[in-house]
Amino acid sequence: MLLVASALTLVRKRSETIGVRVAFAGSLVVIAAGTYWFVQRVFFPAGI
């Protein structure tokens, strides 16, 4: 996590717009992974 935060800080120092876009894209990846995990656990539980 420290590595990602440091990299994002460096990107934002170079260009605020690119930094915001990278942060937004990262957020979308986390949301997609969480949604996939939720759907998998709720609708397709193991062992049934």
C-alpha atoms as a PDB file:
ATOM      1  CA  MET A   1       0.000   0.000   0.000  1.00  0.00           C
ATOM      2  CA  LEU A   2       2.857   2.344   0.746  1.00  0.00           C
ATOM      3  CA  LEU A   3       4.306   1.690  -2.686  1.00  0.00           C
ATOM      4  CA  VAL A   4       1.006   2.521  -4.394  1.00  0.00           C
ATOM      5  CA  ALA A   5       0.541   5.684  -2.346  1.00  0.00           C
ATOM      6  CA  SER A   6       4.077   6.816  -3.130  1.00  0.00           C
ATOM      7  CA  ALA A   7       3.626   6.148  -6.839  1.00  0.00           C
ATOM      8  CA  LEU A   8       0.329   8.044  -6.870  1.00  0.00           C
ATOM      9  CA  THR A   9       1.962  10.986  -5.111  1.00  0.00           C
ATOM     10  CA  LEU A  10       4.723  11.097  -7.720  1.00  0.00           C
ATOM     11  CA  VAL A  11       2.191  10.965 -10.549  1.00  0.00           C
ATOM     12  CA  ARG A  12       0.137  13.764  -9.002  1.00  0.00           C
ATOM     13  CA  LYS A  13       3.228  15.956  -8.636  1.00  0.00           C
ATOM     14  CA  ARG A  14       3.831  15.643 -12.383  1.00  0.00           C
ATOM     15  CA  SER A  15       0.212  16.126 -13.484  1.00  0.00           C
ATOM     16  CA  GLU A  16      -2.838  16.627 -11.294  1.00  0.00           C
ATOM     17  CA  THR A  17      -5.195  15.493 -14.069  1.00  0.00           C
ATOM     18  CA  ILE A  18      -3.380  12.217 -14.661  1.00  0.00           C
ATOM     19  CA  GLY A  19      -3.172  11.596 -10.918  1.00  0.00           C
ATOM     20  CA  VAL A  20      -6.920  12.012 -10.544  1.00  0.00           C
ATOM     21  CA  ARG A  21      -7.547   9.680 -13.492  1.00  0.00           C
ATOM     22  CA  VAL A  22      -5.207   7.022 -12.098  1.00  0.00           C
ATOM     23  CA  ALA A  23      -6.891   7.225  -8.691  1.00  0.00           C
ATOM     24  CA  PHE A  24     -10.314   6.964 -10.340  1.00  0.00           C
ATOM     25  CA  ALA A  25      -9.241   3.949 -12.415  1.00  0.00           C
ATOM     26  CA  GLY A  26      -7.828   2.269  -9.303  1.00  0.00           C
ATOM     27  CA  SER A  27     -11.099   2.863  -7.495  1.00  0.00           C
ATOM     28  CA  LEU A  28     -13.015   1.244 -10.350  1.00  0.00           C
ATOM     29  CA  VAL A  29     -10.754  -1.814 -10.155  1.00  0.00           C
ATOM     30  CA  VAL A  30     -11.371  -2.144  -6.408  1.00  0.00           C
ATOM     31  CA  ILE A  31     -15.146  -1.725  -6.889  1.00  0.00           C
ATOM     32  CA  ALA A  32     -15.190  -4.354  -9.650  1.00  0.00           C
ATOM     33  CA  ALA A  33     -13.210  -6.830  -7.540  1.00  0.00           C
ATOM     34  CA  GLY A  34     -15.493  -6.267  -4.548  1.00  0.00           C
ATOM     35  CA  THR A  35     -18.613  -6.683  -6.657  1.00  0.00           C
ATOM     36  CA  TYR A  36     -17.287  -9.907  -8.163  1.00  0.00           C
ATOM     37  CA  TRP A  37     -16.442 -11.256  -4.711  1.00  0.00           C
ATOM     38  CA  PHE A  38     -19.862 -10.266  -3.327  1.00  0.00           C
ATOM     39  CA  VAL A  39     -21.793 -11.868  -6.185  1.00  0.00           C
ATOM     40  CA  GLN A  40     -19.679 -15.018  -6.021  1.00  0.00           C
ATOM     41  CA  ARG A  41     -20.203 -15.394  -2.254  1.00  0.00           C
ATOM     42  CA  VAL A  42     -23.888 -14.514  -2.141  1.00  0.00           C
ATOM     43  CA  PHE A  43     -25.238 -16.172  -5.275  1.00  0.00           C
ATOM     44  CA  PHE A  44     -22.797 -19.061  -5.738  1.00  0.00           C
ATOM     45  CA  PRO A  45     -21.812 -20.300  -2.267  1.00  0.00           C
ATOM     46  CA  ALA A  46     -19.409 -23.239  -2.124  1.00  0.00           C
ATOM     47  CA  GLY A  47     -20.627 -26.538  -0.821  1.00  0.00           C
ATOM     48  CA  ILE A  48     -24.244 -26.349  -1.889  1.00  0.00           C
END
